[in-house]
């Protein structure tokens, strides 16, 4: 029985490869989630990195809100880099949140 399964697997696997099926694509950071939902834009990821660097004791939820605010408001971007605490206060948050 074991030998029959091995022979069957050797016959089935190559036939799938010869059937013209495309290989499974590996997900990248630009292609994530079902229908590409749930992806974070590159600018938000960059501001999240800035937030984790400049606000090391802050929760990830607060850093995420900071990053989304900085990415979506071009007029805040210099302030986001220079004074992240002011940006948090504009959002009604503190670094302890």
Protein backbone atom coordinates (compact mmCIF):
# COMPACT_ATOMS: atom_id res chain seq x y z
CA UNK A 1 0.00 0.00 0.00
CA UNK A 2 2.79 2.38 0.91
CA UNK A 3 4.56 1.66 -2.37
CA UNK A 4 1.34 2.33 -4.31
CA UNK A 5 0.98 5.75 -2.66
CA UNK A 6 4.56 6.67 -3.51
CA UNK A 7 4.09 5.64 -7.15
CA UNK A 8 0.80 7.51 -7.32
CA UNK A 9 2.39 10.67 -5.89
CA UNK A 10 5.19 10.45 -8.45
CA UNK A 11 2.64 10.26 -11.24
CA UNK A 12 0.28 12.98 -9.97
CA UNK A 13 2.79 15.68 -9.04
CA UNK A 14 4.52 15.88 -12.44
CA UNK A 15 1.18 15.80 -14.25
CA UNK A 16 0.13 18.97 -12.39
CA UNK A 17 3.36 20.64 -13.44
CA UNK A 18 2.81 19.64 -17.07
CA UNK A 19 -0.80 20.82 -17.03
CA UNK A 20 0.33 24.42 -17.42
CA UNK A 21 -0.58 25.55 -13.94
CA UNK A 22 1.18 28.66 -12.82
CA UNK A 23 3.34 28.41 -9.72
CA UNK A 24 1.97 29.96 -6.55
CA UNK A 25 3.08 33.57 -6.29
CA UNK A 26 4.97 34.58 -3.19
CA UNK A 27 3.37 37.46 -1.34
CA UNK A 28 5.35 40.67 -1.03
CA UNK A 29 4.79 43.72 1.13
CA UNK A 30 3.09 45.49 -1.80
CA UNK A 31 0.70 42.58 -2.38
CA UNK A 32 -0.88 41.52 0.87
CA UNK A 33 -4.25 40.39 2.10
CA UNK A 34 -7.27 39.19 0.19
CA UNK A 35 -7.72 41.43 -2.82
CA UNK A 36 -4.75 43.49 -1.63
CA UNK A 37 -6.76 44.82 1.31
CA UNK A 38 -4.96 45.47 4.56
CA UNK A 39 -1.79 46.74 2.92
CA UNK A 40 -0.05 49.72 4.43
CA UNK A 41 1.24 52.29 1.92
CA UNK A 42 4.99 52.86 1.80
CA UNK A 43 4.74 56.42 3.20
CA UNK A 44 2.80 55.17 6.24
CA UNK A 45 5.43 52.45 6.79
CA UNK A 46 8.16 55.09 6.67
CA UNK A 47 6.38 57.26 9.24
CA UNK A 48 5.79 54.20 11.42
CA UNK A 49 9.54 53.64 11.40
CA UNK A 50 10.06 57.31 12.31
CA UNK A 51 7.45 57.00 15.06
CA UNK A 52 9.05 53.93 16.59
CA UNK A 53 12.42 55.69 16.47
CA UNK A 54 11.32 59.07 17.88
CA UNK A 55 8.65 57.72 20.25
CA UNK A 56 10.23 54.52 21.59
CA UNK A 57 7.99 54.15 24.66
CA UNK A 58 4.75 54.70 22.74
CA UNK A 59 2.23 51.96 21.98
CA UNK A 60 2.02 50.56 18.48
CA UNK A 61 -1.59 51.79 18.15
CA UNK A 62 -0.50 55.35 18.90
CA UNK A 63 2.45 55.11 16.50
CA UNK A 64 0.08 53.80 13.83
CA UNK A 65 -2.26 56.77 14.28
CA UNK A 66 0.74 59.12 14.18
CA UNK A 67 2.01 57.50 10.96
CA UNK A 68 -1.36 57.64 9.21
CA UNK A 69 -1.82 61.29 10.21
CA UNK A 70 1.65 62.25 8.98
CA UNK A 71 1.22 60.39 5.70
CA UNK A 72 -2.22 61.82 4.99
CA UNK A 73 -1.46 65.46 5.89
CA UNK A 74 1.39 66.86 3.78
CA UNK A 75 1.37 70.13 5.74
CA UNK A 76 2.24 68.21 8.95
CA UNK A 77 5.19 66.25 7.57
CA UNK A 78 7.94 68.62 8.72
CA UNK A 79 6.34 68.79 12.16
CA UNK A 80 6.09 64.99 12.23
CA UNK A 81 9.85 64.78 11.85
CA UNK A 82 10.73 67.71 14.10
CA UNK A 83 8.23 67.38 16.97
CA UNK A 84 6.20 64.18 17.09
CA UNK A 85 4.81 65.04 20.55
CA UNK A 86 3.01 68.05 19.05
CA UNK A 87 1.52 65.84 16.36
CA UNK A 88 0.26 63.43 19.04
CA UNK A 89 -1.31 66.31 20.95
CA UNK A 90 -3.05 67.49 17.78
CA UNK A 91 -4.50 63.98 17.51
CA UNK A 92 -5.58 64.08 21.15
CA UNK A 93 -2.99 61.48 22.15
CA UNK A 94 0.06 61.34 24.39
CA UNK A 95 3.15 59.19 24.22
CA UNK A 96 1.76 57.24 27.20
CA UNK A 97 -1.35 56.15 25.27
